[in-house]
């Protein structure tokens, strides 16, 4: 059982040096600091560059054996106040 999780984003060396954003990877740990899950964000370079805060993505969360346990899908949406029916959803 997990009553708390800690999420750490792994920063790629290329991302740190050049300031470009790559596909995000995360370690999901228990309160003892042990990794229990690993998450990878899938999206295109175009989405990361031009649509960053409203970009479409899929995050796959896998256990330590590499088996996918959760998939989070967020389609590209407009967050304009003129189109409230197109607010973000996951």
N, C-alpha and C. Protein backbone atom coordinates (compact mmCIF):
# COMPACT_ATOMS: atom_id res chain seq x y z
N UNK A 1 0.83 -1.19 0.00
CA UNK A 1 0.00 0.00 0.00
C UNK A 1 0.87 1.24 0.00
N UNK A 2 0.41 2.24 -0.75
CA UNK A 2 1.10 3.53 -0.77
C UNK A 2 0.12 4.60 -0.31
N UNK A 3 0.48 5.31 0.73
CA UNK A 3 -0.36 6.42 1.17
C UNK A 3 0.23 7.76 0.74
N UNK A 4 1.42 7.70 0.14
CA UNK A 4 2.08 8.92 -0.33
C UNK A 4 3.06 8.52 -1.43
N UNK A 5 3.20 9.37 -2.43
CA UNK A 5 4.21 9.14 -3.47
C UNK A 5 5.03 10.41 -3.66
N UNK A 6 6.24 10.23 -4.13
CA UNK A 6 7.13 11.34 -4.43
C UNK A 6 7.49 11.20 -5.90
N UNK A 7 7.34 12.26 -6.67
CA UNK A 7 7.61 12.22 -8.11
C UNK A 7 8.81 13.10 -8.41
N UNK A 8 9.81 12.48 -9.04
CA UNK A 8 11.02 13.20 -9.43
C UNK A 8 11.15 13.16 -10.94
N UNK A 9 11.27 14.33 -11.56
CA UNK A 9 11.50 14.38 -13.00
C UNK A 9 12.98 14.17 -13.26
N UNK A 10 13.29 13.30 -14.20
CA UNK A 10 14.67 13.08 -14.60
C UNK A 10 15.01 14.08 -15.69
N UNK A 11 16.08 14.84 -15.48
CA UNK A 11 16.49 15.85 -16.45
C UNK A 11 17.57 15.26 -17.34
N UNK A 12 17.35 15.34 -18.64
CA UNK A 12 18.33 14.85 -19.61
C UNK A 12 19.49 15.84 -19.67
N UNK A 13 20.69 15.34 -19.90
CA UNK A 13 21.88 16.19 -20.00
C UNK A 13 21.74 17.20 -21.14
N UNK A 14 21.24 16.74 -22.28
CA UNK A 14 21.05 17.63 -23.43
C UNK A 14 20.07 18.75 -23.09
N UNK A 15 19.04 18.41 -22.36
CA UNK A 15 18.03 19.39 -21.95
C UNK A 15 18.66 20.45 -21.03
N UNK A 16 19.49 20.00 -20.11
CA UNK A 16 20.12 20.93 -19.17
C UNK A 16 21.13 21.85 -19.86
N UNK A 17 21.88 21.30 -20.80
CA UNK A 17 22.92 22.09 -21.46
C UNK A 17 22.33 23.06 -22.48
N UNK A 18 21.45 22.57 -23.35
CA UNK A 18 20.92 23.39 -24.44
C UNK A 18 19.65 24.15 -24.09
N UNK A 19 19.01 23.77 -22.99
CA UNK A 19 17.77 24.42 -22.61
C UNK A 19 16.58 23.98 -23.45
N UNK A 20 16.75 22.90 -24.21
CA UNK A 20 15.63 22.37 -24.99
C UNK A 20 14.89 21.34 -24.17
N UNK A 21 13.62 21.24 -24.41
CA UNK A 21 12.81 20.29 -23.66
C UNK A 21 12.69 18.99 -24.42
N UNK A 22 13.00 17.88 -23.75
CA UNK A 22 12.85 16.56 -24.35
C UNK A 22 11.65 15.88 -23.71
N UNK A 23 11.31 14.70 -24.17
CA UNK A 23 10.21 13.96 -23.55
C UNK A 23 10.53 13.74 -22.08
N UNK A 24 9.58 14.04 -21.24
CA UNK A 24 9.81 13.96 -19.79
C UNK A 24 9.76 12.53 -19.29
N UNK A 25 10.63 12.26 -18.33
CA UNK A 25 10.67 10.96 -17.66
C UNK A 25 10.63 11.22 -16.16
N UNK A 26 9.91 10.36 -15.46
CA UNK A 26 9.72 10.57 -14.03
C UNK A 26 9.95 9.27 -13.27
N UNK A 27 10.50 9.39 -12.08
CA UNK A 27 10.56 8.28 -11.14
C UNK A 27 9.51 8.55 -10.08
N UNK A 28 8.72 7.55 -9.78
CA UNK A 28 7.69 7.66 -8.76
C UNK A 28 8.14 6.78 -7.59
N UNK A 29 8.36 7.43 -6.44
CA UNK A 29 8.97 6.74 -5.30
C UNK A 29 8.02 6.69 -4.11
N UNK A 30 8.26 5.74 -3.24
CA UNK A 30 7.52 5.68 -1.98
C UNK A 30 8.20 6.60 -0.98
N UNK A 31 7.62 6.79 0.21
CA UNK A 31 8.21 7.71 1.19
C UNK A 31 9.64 7.33 1.62
N UNK A 32 10.05 6.08 1.41
CA UNK A 32 11.40 5.66 1.76
C UNK A 32 12.41 5.95 0.65
N UNK A 33 11.92 6.53 -0.47
CA UNK A 33 12.80 6.86 -1.58
C UNK A 33 13.04 5.71 -2.54
N UNK A 34 12.29 4.63 -2.40
CA UNK A 34 12.43 3.48 -3.30
C UNK A 34 11.52 3.68 -4.51
N UNK A 35 12.08 3.45 -5.70
CA UNK A 35 11.27 3.61 -6.92
C UNK A 35 10.26 2.49 -7.01
N UNK A 36 9.00 2.88 -7.17
CA UNK A 36 7.92 1.90 -7.33
C UNK A 36 7.33 1.93 -8.72
N UNK A 37 7.44 3.07 -9.39
CA UNK A 37 6.94 3.21 -10.76
C UNK A 37 7.88 4.12 -11.54
N UNK A 38 7.75 4.04 -12.86
CA UNK A 38 8.53 4.88 -13.77
C UNK A 38 7.55 5.39 -14.81
N UNK A 39 7.61 6.68 -15.12
CA UNK A 39 6.67 7.26 -16.08
C UNK A 39 7.42 7.94 -17.22
N UNK A 40 6.88 7.81 -18.42
CA UNK A 40 7.45 8.44 -19.60
C UNK A 40 6.35 9.19 -20.33
N UNK A 41 6.62 10.45 -20.64
CA UNK A 41 5.68 11.27 -21.40
C UNK A 41 6.01 11.13 -22.88
N UNK A 42 5.01 10.83 -23.68
CA UNK A 42 5.19 10.71 -25.12
C UNK A 42 4.47 11.86 -25.81
N UNK A 43 5.22 12.60 -26.60
CA UNK A 43 4.65 13.64 -27.44
C UNK A 43 5.71 14.05 -28.44
N UNK A 44 5.35 14.88 -29.37
CA UNK A 44 6.29 15.29 -30.40
C UNK A 44 7.03 16.56 -30.05
N UNK A 45 8.15 16.78 -30.72
CA UNK A 45 8.95 17.98 -30.52
C UNK A 45 8.11 19.23 -30.83
N UNK A 46 7.28 19.16 -31.87
CA UNK A 46 6.42 20.27 -32.25
C UNK A 46 5.50 20.64 -31.08
N UNK A 47 4.89 19.64 -30.45
CA UNK A 47 4.00 19.89 -29.31
C UNK A 47 4.74 20.55 -28.16
N UNK A 48 5.94 20.05 -27.84
CA UNK A 48 6.70 20.60 -26.72
C UNK A 48 7.11 22.04 -26.97
N UNK A 49 7.49 22.37 -28.20
CA UNK A 49 7.97 23.71 -28.52
C UNK A 49 6.84 24.74 -28.62
N UNK A 50 5.79 24.41 -29.38
CA UNK A 50 4.78 25.41 -29.70
C UNK A 50 3.55 25.39 -28.80
N UNK A 51 3.26 24.26 -28.21
CA UNK A 51 2.02 24.15 -27.42
C UNK A 51 2.31 23.78 -25.98
N UNK A 52 3.47 24.10 -25.49
CA UNK A 52 3.96 23.57 -24.21
C UNK A 52 2.91 23.43 -23.11
N UNK A 53 2.26 24.48 -22.63
CA UNK A 53 1.35 24.28 -21.50
C UNK A 53 0.04 23.57 -21.86
N UNK A 54 -0.35 23.61 -23.12
CA UNK A 54 -1.62 22.97 -23.51
C UNK A 54 -1.39 21.78 -24.42
N UNK A 55 -0.16 21.29 -24.48
CA UNK A 55 0.19 20.23 -25.43
C UNK A 55 -0.54 18.93 -25.16
N UNK A 56 -0.70 18.18 -26.21
CA UNK A 56 -1.25 16.83 -26.08
C UNK A 56 -0.12 15.92 -25.63
N UNK A 57 -0.46 14.91 -24.82
CA UNK A 57 0.55 13.94 -24.43
C UNK A 57 -0.10 12.65 -23.98
N UNK A 58 0.73 11.63 -23.93
CA UNK A 58 0.38 10.36 -23.32
C UNK A 58 1.47 10.06 -22.31
N UNK A 59 1.10 9.74 -21.10
CA UNK A 59 2.07 9.33 -20.09
C UNK A 59 1.81 7.86 -19.78
N UNK A 60 2.85 7.08 -19.92
CA UNK A 60 2.78 5.65 -19.60
C UNK A 60 3.50 5.44 -18.28
N UNK A 61 2.79 4.84 -17.33
CA UNK A 61 3.37 4.56 -16.02
C UNK A 61 3.53 3.05 -15.91
N UNK A 62 4.77 2.64 -15.61
CA UNK A 62 5.09 1.22 -15.54
C UNK A 62 5.65 0.88 -14.16
N UNK A 63 5.46 -0.38 -13.77
CA UNK A 63 6.05 -0.83 -12.51
C UNK A 63 7.53 -1.16 -12.75
N UNK A 64 8.20 -1.62 -11.71
CA UNK A 64 9.63 -1.90 -11.82
C UNK A 64 9.95 -3.05 -12.75
N UNK A 65 8.97 -3.88 -13.07
CA UNK A 65 9.18 -4.98 -14.02
C UNK A 65 8.94 -4.51 -15.46
N UNK A 66 8.56 -3.24 -15.64
CA UNK A 66 8.33 -2.70 -16.97
C UNK A 66 6.92 -2.91 -17.50
N UNK A 67 6.02 -3.42 -16.67
CA UNK A 67 4.62 -3.63 -17.09
C UNK A 67 3.84 -2.33 -16.91
N UNK A 68 3.17 -1.92 -17.99
CA UNK A 68 2.36 -0.70 -17.91
C UNK A 68 1.19 -0.93 -16.97
N UNK A 69 1.03 0.00 -16.01
CA UNK A 69 -0.06 -0.11 -15.04
C UNK A 69 -1.09 0.99 -15.21
N UNK A 70 -0.66 2.13 -15.75
CA UNK A 70 -1.57 3.26 -15.97
C UNK A 70 -1.14 3.97 -17.25
N UNK A 71 -2.14 4.42 -18.00
CA UNK A 71 -1.88 5.25 -19.19
C UNK A 71 -2.76 6.49 -19.06
N UNK A 72 -2.13 7.67 -19.11
CA UNK A 72 -2.84 8.94 -19.02
C UNK A 72 -2.76 9.60 -20.38
N UNK A 73 -3.92 9.95 -20.95
CA UNK A 73 -3.97 10.56 -22.27
C UNK A 73 -4.63 11.93 -22.16
N UNK A 74 -3.92 12.94 -22.67
CA UNK A 74 -4.51 14.28 -22.71
C UNK A 74 -4.45 14.78 -24.15
N UNK A 75 -5.61 15.01 -24.76
CA UNK A 75 -5.62 15.54 -26.13
C UNK A 75 -5.31 17.03 -26.13
N UNK A 76 -4.91 17.53 -27.28
CA UNK A 76 -4.67 18.97 -27.43
C UNK A 76 -6.00 19.70 -27.30
N UNK A 77 -6.03 20.70 -26.45
CA UNK A 77 -7.25 21.48 -26.23
C UNK A 77 -6.90 22.95 -26.18
N UNK A 78 -7.87 23.77 -26.44
CA UNK A 78 -7.71 25.21 -26.35
C UNK A 78 -8.13 25.64 -24.95
N UNK A 79 -7.34 26.48 -24.30
CA UNK A 79 -7.72 26.93 -22.96
C UNK A 79 -8.18 28.38 -22.95
N UNK A 80 -8.71 28.83 -24.06
CA UNK A 80 -9.16 30.21 -24.19
C UNK A 80 -10.47 30.41 -23.44
N UNK A 81 -10.64 31.59 -22.86
CA UNK A 81 -11.90 31.90 -22.19
C UNK A 81 -13.05 32.01 -23.19
N UNK A 82 -12.73 32.17 -24.46
CA UNK A 82 -13.76 32.26 -25.50
C UNK A 82 -14.34 30.88 -25.84
N UNK A 83 -13.61 29.82 -25.48
CA UNK A 83 -14.04 28.45 -25.79
C UNK A 83 -14.00 27.60 -24.53
N UNK A 84 -14.87 27.88 -23.55
CA UNK A 84 -14.80 27.13 -22.28
C UNK A 84 -15.07 25.64 -22.42
N UNK A 85 -15.70 25.23 -23.52
CA UNK A 85 -15.97 23.80 -23.68
C UNK A 85 -14.71 23.05 -24.10
N UNK A 86 -13.63 23.76 -24.38
CA UNK A 86 -12.39 23.10 -24.81
C UNK A 86 -11.31 23.19 -23.74
N UNK A 87 -11.69 23.23 -22.47
CA UNK A 87 -10.71 23.27 -21.41
C UNK A 87 -9.98 21.92 -21.30
N UNK A 88 -8.84 21.90 -20.65
CA UNK A 88 -8.03 20.69 -20.54
C UNK A 88 -8.80 19.56 -19.88
N UNK A 89 -8.56 18.37 -20.37
CA UNK A 89 -9.11 17.17 -19.74
C UNK A 89 -8.12 16.04 -19.93
N UNK A 90 -8.09 15.13 -18.97
CA UNK A 90 -7.21 13.98 -19.02
C UNK A 90 -8.07 12.75 -19.01
